[in-house]
């Protein structure tokens, strides 16, 4: 059985754990980081040790870390590589991770490292399967009746669970209104991607809108 590790910090990561348990048969191991940590951590290895950080999380095949801190993420990546983790997924984007440092760790160890601004852009590769075949960029199958959405089946959905939420709420909506409504439902989930004019929340909403358009085009 594939083991998924999730490192949470504050409110981040808990919805992923719920999604994995609800929508897959993966085994889940977790470890927690405090919500508030210093802006700069000179000795992140020692800092993790002082937290009594549960290193059993590194028994995972695929590890998702919501450490959201360049120093901590690099330290976690080193420990993950040493433990034989196959794939490390880092949400939060380059502003929350030292990408050059993570690249060095990946090249030295062979562990796949993916840094994503938003988790619903995740695509499968040789390392993150089978996780990314269920969780990542949305893929939907839709059935319509009398010009309305009758059913939406989630083939692959956002790790936060928003795709499954949208799939339930969009039922009964007229087909012509459904794609933009799908994007709005994702943003109201509420999506925790960055807001603002260029925020990832808009990308997430647009991805789900396009996924529904594609599903409608491919309806059998």
C-alpha atoms as a PDB file:
ATOM      1  CA  UNK A   1       0.000   0.000   0.000  1.00  0.00           C
ATOM      2  CA  UNK A   2       1.211   3.486  -0.864  1.00  0.00           C
ATOM      3  CA  UNK A   3       1.955   5.588   2.210  1.00  0.00           C
ATOM      4  CA  UNK A   4       1.335   9.338   2.009  1.00  0.00           C
ATOM      5  CA  UNK A   5       3.070  11.600   4.515  1.00  0.00           C
ATOM      6  CA  UNK A   6       1.629  15.009   5.360  1.00  0.00           C
ATOM      7  CA  UNK A   7       3.438  17.643   7.395  1.00  0.00           C
ATOM      8  CA  UNK A   8       0.944  20.198   8.665  1.00  0.00           C
ATOM      9  CA  UNK A   9       1.515  23.701   9.983  1.00  0.00           C
ATOM     10  CA  UNK A  10      -1.275  25.601  11.681  1.00  0.00           C
ATOM     11  CA  UNK A  11      -4.409  25.267   9.540  1.00  0.00           C
ATOM     12  CA  UNK A  12      -2.501  24.090   6.467  1.00  0.00           C
ATOM     13  CA  UNK A  13      -2.492  20.422   5.495  1.00  0.00           C
ATOM     14  CA  UNK A  14      -5.464  19.151   7.491  1.00  0.00           C
ATOM     15  CA  UNK A  15      -7.908  19.261   4.589  1.00  0.00           C
ATOM     16  CA  UNK A  16      -5.442  17.239   2.509  1.00  0.00           C
ATOM     17  CA  UNK A  17      -5.378  14.566   5.207  1.00  0.00           C
ATOM     18  CA  UNK A  18      -9.199  14.479   5.182  1.00  0.00           C
ATOM     19  CA  UNK A  19      -9.270  14.242   1.369  1.00  0.00           C
ATOM     20  CA  UNK A  20      -6.749  11.412   1.233  1.00  0.00           C
ATOM     21  CA  UNK A  21      -8.686   9.436   3.830  1.00  0.00           C
ATOM     22  CA  UNK A  22     -12.043  10.061   2.152  1.00  0.00           C
ATOM     23  CA  UNK A  23     -11.128   9.648  -1.527  1.00  0.00           C
ATOM     24  CA  UNK A  24      -8.360   7.039  -1.547  1.00  0.00           C
ATOM     25  CA  UNK A  25      -7.205   3.898   0.188  1.00  0.00           C
ATOM     26  CA  UNK A  26      -3.714   5.249   0.894  1.00  0.00           C
ATOM     27  CA  UNK A  27      -2.231   4.932   4.352  1.00  0.00           C
ATOM     28  CA  UNK A  28      -1.460   8.330   5.939  1.00  0.00           C
ATOM     29  CA  UNK A  29       1.286   9.335   8.367  1.00  0.00           C
ATOM     30  CA  UNK A  30       1.473  12.879   9.728  1.00  0.00           C
ATOM     31  CA  UNK A  31       3.668  15.282  11.659  1.00  0.00           C
ATOM     32  CA  UNK A  32       2.853  18.756  12.935  1.00  0.00           C
ATOM     33  CA  UNK A  33       4.791  22.006  12.892  1.00  0.00           C
ATOM     34  CA  UNK A  34       3.801  25.002  15.023  1.00  0.00           C
ATOM     35  CA  UNK A  35       1.895  27.764  13.277  1.00  0.00           C
ATOM     36  CA  UNK A  36       4.302  30.457  14.431  1.00  0.00           C
ATOM     37  CA  UNK A  37       8.037  29.968  13.825  1.00  0.00           C
ATOM     38  CA  UNK A  38      10.958  32.434  13.540  1.00  0.00           C
ATOM     39  CA  UNK A  39      11.346  34.223  10.217  1.00  0.00           C
ATOM     40  CA  UNK A  40      14.925  32.942   9.937  1.00  0.00           C
ATOM     41  CA  UNK A  41      15.998  29.634  11.464  1.00  0.00           C
ATOM     42  CA  UNK A  42      19.774  29.320  11.608  1.00  0.00           C
ATOM     43  CA  UNK A  43      19.838  25.631  12.602  1.00  0.00           C
ATOM     44  CA  UNK A  44      16.634  24.085  11.220  1.00  0.00           C
ATOM     45  CA  UNK A  45      17.751  20.501  12.034  1.00  0.00           C
ATOM     46  CA  UNK A  46      18.150  21.426  15.696  1.00  0.00           C
ATOM     47  CA  UNK A  47      14.911  23.385  15.595  1.00  0.00           C
ATOM     48  CA  UNK A  48      13.017  20.303  14.360  1.00  0.00           C
ATOM     49  CA  UNK A  49      14.699  18.207  17.058  1.00  0.00           C
ATOM     50  CA  UNK A  50      13.590  20.669  19.735  1.00  0.00           C
ATOM     51  CA  UNK A  51       9.975  20.311  18.597  1.00  0.00           C
ATOM     52  CA  UNK A  52       9.973  16.560  19.132  1.00  0.00           C
ATOM     53  CA  UNK A  53       9.039  16.383  15.451  1.00  0.00           C
ATOM     54  CA  UNK A  54       7.602  12.953  14.574  1.00  0.00           C
ATOM     55  CA  UNK A  55      10.102  11.522  12.097  1.00  0.00           C
ATOM     56  CA  UNK A  56       7.882   8.556  11.367  1.00  0.00           C
ATOM     57  CA  UNK A  57       6.401  10.807   8.679  1.00  0.00           C
ATOM     58  CA  UNK A  58       9.507  10.023   6.604  1.00  0.00           C
ATOM     59  CA  UNK A  59       8.368   6.415   6.268  1.00  0.00           C
ATOM     60  CA  UNK A  60       6.078   7.707   3.496  1.00  0.00           C
ATOM     61  CA  UNK A  61       6.532   6.945  -0.191  1.00  0.00           C
ATOM     62  CA  UNK A  62       5.239  10.408  -1.108  1.00  0.00           C
ATOM     63  CA  UNK A  63       5.519  13.346   1.281  1.00  0.00           C
ATOM     64  CA  UNK A  64       3.587  16.626   1.149  1.00  0.00           C
ATOM     65  CA  UNK A  65       5.023  19.316   3.408  1.00  0.00           C
ATOM     66  CA  UNK A  66       3.098  22.422   4.384  1.00  0.00           C
ATOM     67  CA  UNK A  67       6.148  23.735   6.244  1.00  0.00           C
ATOM     68  CA  UNK A  68       5.813  27.011   4.258  1.00  0.00           C
ATOM     69  CA  UNK A  69       9.275  28.141   5.356  1.00  0.00           C
ATOM     70  CA  UNK A  70      12.472  27.991   3.233  1.00  0.00           C
ATOM     71  CA  UNK A  71      14.746  26.882   6.093  1.00  0.00           C
ATOM     72  CA  UNK A  72      12.378  24.218   7.418  1.00  0.00           C
ATOM     73  CA  UNK A  73      11.452  22.918   3.969  1.00  0.00           C
ATOM     74  CA  UNK A  74      15.101  22.405   3.015  1.00  0.00           C
ATOM     75  CA  UNK A  75      15.793  20.576   6.284  1.00  0.00           C
ATOM     76  CA  UNK A  76      12.718  18.406   5.768  1.00  0.00           C
ATOM     77  CA  UNK A  77      13.795  17.657   2.188  1.00  0.00           C
ATOM     78  CA  UNK A  78      17.223  16.449   3.391  1.00  0.00           C
ATOM     79  CA  UNK A  79      15.659  14.168   5.992  1.00  0.00           C
ATOM     80  CA  UNK A  80      13.133  12.866   3.466  1.00  0.00           C
ATOM     81  CA  UNK A  81      15.863  12.077   0.937  1.00  0.00           C
ATOM     82  CA  UNK A  82      17.944  10.284   3.574  1.00  0.00           C
ATOM     83  CA  UNK A  83      14.891   8.212   4.554  1.00  0.00           C
ATOM     84  CA  UNK A  84      14.198   7.130   0.969  1.00  0.00           C
ATOM     85  CA  UNK A  85      11.077   9.180   0.252  1.00  0.00           C
ATOM     86  CA  UNK A  86      10.408   8.937  -3.505  1.00  0.00           C
ATOM     87  CA  UNK A  87       8.571  12.214  -4.051  1.00  0.00           C
ATOM     88  CA  UNK A  88       8.401  15.461  -2.076  1.00  0.00           C
ATOM     89  CA  UNK A  89       5.558  17.863  -2.892  1.00  0.00           C
ATOM     90  CA  UNK A  90       5.941  21.423  -1.594  1.00  0.00           C
ATOM     91  CA  UNK A  91       2.818  23.635  -1.741  1.00  0.00           C
ATOM     92  CA  UNK A  92       3.099  27.398  -1.322  1.00  0.00           C
ATOM     93  CA  UNK A  93       5.353  28.226  -4.253  1.00  0.00           C
ATOM     94  CA  UNK A  94       8.940  29.484  -4.536  1.00  0.00           C
ATOM     95  CA  UNK A  95       8.408  32.268  -1.971  1.00  0.00           C
ATOM     96  CA  UNK A  96       8.026  29.584   0.727  1.00  0.00           C
ATOM     97  CA  UNK A  97      10.867  27.310  -0.392  1.00  0.00           C
ATOM     98  CA  UNK A  98      14.503  27.590  -1.450  1.00  0.00           C
ATOM     99  CA  UNK A  99      14.158  26.132  -4.942  1.00  0.00           C
ATOM    100  CA  UNK A 100      17.931  26.034  -5.713  1.00  0.00           C
ATOM    101  CA  UNK A 101      18.586  24.191  -2.436  1.00  0.00           C
ATOM    102  CA  UNK A 102      15.759  21.740  -3.105  1.00  0.00           C
ATOM    103  CA  UNK A 103      17.089  21.148  -6.623  1.00  0.00           C
ATOM    104  CA  UNK A 104      20.525  20.256  -5.206  1.00  0.00           C
ATOM    105  CA  UNK A 105      18.958  17.797  -2.761  1.00  0.00           C
ATOM    106  CA  UNK A 106      16.895  16.251  -5.554  1.00  0.00           C
ATOM    107  CA  UNK A 107      19.886  15.851  -7.886  1.00  0.00           C
ATOM    108  CA  UNK A 108      22.083  14.359  -5.157  1.00  0.00           C
ATOM    109  CA  UNK A 109      19.496  11.891  -3.879  1.00  0.00           C
ATOM    110  CA  UNK A 110      17.254  11.089  -6.837  1.00  0.00           C
ATOM    111  CA  UNK A 111      14.183  12.125  -4.841  1.00  0.00           C
ATOM    112  CA  UNK A 112      11.661  13.966  -6.992  1.00  0.00           C
ATOM    113  CA  UNK A 113      10.831  17.443  -5.655  1.00  0.00           C
ATOM    114  CA  UNK A 114       7.926  19.511  -6.940  1.00  0.00           C
ATOM    115  CA  UNK A 115       7.227  23.052  -5.731  1.00  0.00           C
ATOM    116  CA  UNK A 116       3.695  24.177  -6.575  1.00  0.00           C
ATOM    117  CA  UNK A 117       2.045  27.540  -5.996  1.00  0.00           C
ATOM    118  CA  UNK A 118      -1.286  25.727  -5.803  1.00  0.00           C
ATOM    119  CA  UNK A 119      -1.751  21.966  -5.405  1.00  0.00           C
ATOM    120  CA  UNK A 120      -4.433  21.704  -8.078  1.00  0.00           C
ATOM    121  CA  UNK A 121      -1.753  22.079 -10.778  1.00  0.00           C
ATOM    122  CA  UNK A 122      -0.075  18.795  -9.771  1.00  0.00           C
ATOM    123  CA  UNK A 123       0.429  16.365 -12.653  1.00  0.00           C
ATOM    124  CA  UNK A 124       1.492  12.700 -12.416  1.00  0.00           C
ATOM    125  CA  UNK A 125       5.095  11.676 -13.021  1.00  0.00           C
ATOM    126  CA  UNK A 126       7.080   8.490 -12.448  1.00  0.00           C
ATOM    127  CA  UNK A 127       7.682   9.425  -8.798  1.00  0.00           C
ATOM    128  CA  UNK A 128       4.425  10.881  -7.464  1.00  0.00           C
ATOM    129  CA  UNK A 129       2.093   8.215  -8.864  1.00  0.00           C
ATOM    130  CA  UNK A 130      -0.388   6.995  -7.743  1.00  0.00           C
ATOM    131  CA  UNK A 131      -1.087  10.051  -5.531  1.00  0.00           C
ATOM    132  CA  UNK A 132      -1.131  12.524  -8.448  1.00  0.00           C
ATOM    133  CA  UNK A 133      -3.504  10.316 -10.435  1.00  0.00           C
ATOM    134  CA  UNK A 134      -6.187  11.027  -7.816  1.00  0.00           C
ATOM    135  CA  UNK A 135      -5.133  14.426  -6.427  1.00  0.00           C
ATOM    136  CA  UNK A 136      -4.036  17.363  -8.584  1.00  0.00           C
ATOM    137  CA  UNK A 137      -5.260  19.146 -11.710  1.00  0.00           C
ATOM    138  CA  UNK A 138      -9.007  18.423 -11.945  1.00  0.00           C
ATOM    139  CA  UNK A 139     -10.473  15.834 -14.307  1.00  0.00           C
ATOM    140  CA  UNK A 140     -14.248  15.416 -14.361  1.00  0.00           C
ATOM    141  CA  UNK A 141     -16.923  13.252 -15.955  1.00  0.00           C
ATOM    142  CA  UNK A 142     -20.342  14.832 -16.294  1.00  0.00           C
ATOM    143  CA  UNK A 143     -23.894  13.765 -17.096  1.00  0.00           C
ATOM    144  CA  UNK A 144     -26.605  16.236 -18.099  1.00  0.00           C
ATOM    145  CA  UNK A 145     -30.378  15.951 -18.182  1.00  0.00           C
ATOM    146  CA  UNK A 146     -32.883  18.441 -19.591  1.00  0.00           C
ATOM    147  CA  UNK A 147     -30.234  21.113 -20.055  1.00  0.00           C
ATOM    148  CA  UNK A 148     -28.962  20.867 -16.465  1.00  0.00           C
ATOM    149  CA  UNK A 149     -26.071  19.197 -14.679  1.00  0.00           C
ATOM    150  CA  UNK A 150     -27.362  15.857 -13.375  1.00  0.00           C
ATOM    151  CA  UNK A 151     -24.139  14.351 -12.036  1.00  0.00           C
ATOM    152  CA  UNK A 152     -20.434  15.149 -11.803  1.00  0.00           C
ATOM    153  CA  UNK A 153     -17.935  12.389 -11.116  1.00  0.00           C
ATOM    154  CA  UNK A 154     -14.504  13.482  -9.927  1.00  0.00           C
ATOM    155  CA  UNK A 155     -11.798  11.435 -11.676  1.00  0.00           C
ATOM    156  CA  UNK A 156      -9.065  13.613 -10.168  1.00  0.00           C
ATOM    157  CA  UNK A 157      -9.513  16.544  -7.799  1.00  0.00           C
ATOM    158  CA  UNK A 158      -7.723  19.234  -5.835  1.00  0.00           C
ATOM    159  CA  UNK A 159      -5.976  17.850  -2.717  1.00  0.00           C
ATOM    160  CA  UNK A 160      -7.903  20.303  -0.518  1.00  0.00           C
ATOM    161  CA  UNK A 161     -11.182  18.617  -1.448  1.00  0.00           C
ATOM    162  CA  UNK A 162     -12.700  21.591  -3.263  1.00  0.00           C
ATOM    163  CA  UNK A 163     -13.350  19.641  -6.484  1.00  0.00           C
ATOM    164  CA  UNK A 164     -15.604  17.146  -4.702  1.00  0.00           C
ATOM    165  CA  UNK A 165     -17.409  20.047  -3.005  1.00  0.00           C
ATOM    166  CA  UNK A 166     -18.023  21.699  -6.370  1.00  0.00           C
ATOM    167  CA  UNK A 167     -19.194  18.417  -7.922  1.00  0.00           C
ATOM    168  CA  UNK A 168     -22.018  18.175  -5.371  1.00  0.00           C
ATOM    169  CA  UNK A 169     -23.038  21.829  -5.443  1.00  0.00           C
ATOM    170  CA  UNK A 170     -23.126  22.172  -9.252  1.00  0.00           C
ATOM    171  CA  UNK A 171     -25.871  19.546  -9.678  1.00  0.00           C
ATOM    172  CA  UNK A 172     -29.073  21.172 -10.963  1.00  0.00           C
ATOM    173  CA  UNK A 173     -27.317  24.198 -12.470  1.00  0.00           C
ATOM    174  CA  UNK A 174     -28.172  24.951 -16.135  1.00  0.00           C
ATOM    175  CA  UNK A 175     -25.418  23.721 -18.460  1.00  0.00           C
ATOM    176  CA  UNK A 176     -24.803  27.204 -19.900  1.00  0.00           C
ATOM    177  CA  UNK A 177     -24.173  28.628 -16.413  1.00  0.00           C
ATOM    178  CA  UNK A 178     -22.236  25.677 -15.005  1.00  0.00           C
ATOM    179  CA  UNK A 179     -18.585  26.379 -16.003  1.00  0.00           C
ATOM    180  CA  UNK A 180     -18.329  29.871 -14.453  1.00  0.00           C
ATOM    181  CA  UNK A 181     -20.376  28.670 -11.474  1.00  0.00           C
ATOM    182  CA  UNK A 182     -17.855  25.835 -10.988  1.00  0.00           C
ATOM    183  CA  UNK A 183     -15.004  28.360 -10.740  1.00  0.00           C
ATOM    184  CA  UNK A 184     -16.923  30.448  -8.207  1.00  0.00           C
ATOM    185  CA  UNK A 185     -17.748  27.415  -6.075  1.00  0.00           C
ATOM    186  CA  UNK A 186     -14.047  26.530  -5.899  1.00  0.00           C
ATOM    187  CA  UNK A 187     -13.142  30.044  -4.770  1.00  0.00           C
ATOM    188  CA  UNK A 188     -15.887  30.034  -2.143  1.00  0.00           C
ATOM    189  CA  UNK A 189     -14.882  26.618  -0.746  1.00  0.00           C
ATOM    190  CA  UNK A 190     -12.920  28.574   0.581  1.00  0.00           C
ATOM    191  CA  UNK A 191      -9.811  28.069  -1.500  1.00  0.00           C
ATOM    192  CA  UNK A 192      -6.691  28.930   0.517  1.00  0.00           C
ATOM    193  CA  UNK A 193      -4.630  29.940  -2.500  1.00  0.00           C
ATOM    194  CA  UNK A 194      -3.327  33.505  -2.573  1.00  0.00           C
ATOM    195  CA  UNK A 195      -5.934  36.162  -3.279  1.00  0.00           C
ATOM    196  CA  UNK A 196      -5.545  39.483  -5.103  1.00  0.00           C
ATOM    197  CA  UNK A 197      -5.573  40.250  -8.829  1.00  0.00           C
ATOM    198  CA  UNK A 198      -2.824  37.741  -9.622  1.00  0.00           C
ATOM    199  CA  UNK A 199      -3.542  35.267  -6.829  1.00  0.00           C
ATOM    200  CA  UNK A 200      -3.580  31.518  -7.289  1.00  0.00           C
ATOM    201  CA  UNK A 201      -7.250  31.441  -6.316  1.00  0.00           C
ATOM    202  CA  UNK A 202      -8.090  32.750  -9.787  1.00  0.00           C
ATOM    203  CA  UNK A 203      -5.978  30.056 -11.437  1.00  0.00           C
ATOM    204  CA  UNK A 204      -7.684  27.392  -9.363  1.00  0.00           C
ATOM    205  CA  UNK A 205     -11.129  28.685 -10.294  1.00  0.00           C
ATOM    206  CA  UNK A 206     -10.207  28.867 -13.995  1.00  0.00           C
ATOM    207  CA  UNK A 207      -8.792  25.324 -13.968  1.00  0.00           C
ATOM    208  CA  UNK A 208     -12.059  23.945 -12.626  1.00  0.00           C
ATOM    209  CA  UNK A 209     -14.092  26.006 -15.078  1.00  0.00           C
ATOM    210  CA  UNK A 210     -12.065  24.563 -17.974  1.00  0.00           C
ATOM    211  CA  UNK A 211     -12.261  21.040 -16.525  1.00  0.00           C
ATOM    212  CA  UNK A 212     -16.059  21.255 -16.516  1.00  0.00           C
ATOM    213  CA  UNK A 213     -16.116  22.645 -20.077  1.00  0.00           C
ATOM    214  CA  UNK A 214     -13.964  19.707 -21.207  1.00  0.00           C
ATOM    215  CA  UNK A 215     -16.180  17.218 -19.364  1.00  0.00           C
ATOM    216  CA  UNK A 216     -19.299  18.682 -21.039  1.00  0.00           C
ATOM    217  CA  UNK A 217     -17.633  18.421 -24.436  1.00  0.00           C
ATOM    218  CA  UNK A 218     -16.762  14.771 -23.760  1.00  0.00           C
ATOM    219  CA  UNK A 219     -20.122  13.751 -22.300  1.00  0.00           C
ATOM    220  CA  UNK A 220     -21.104  10.334 -23.604  1.00  0.00           C
END
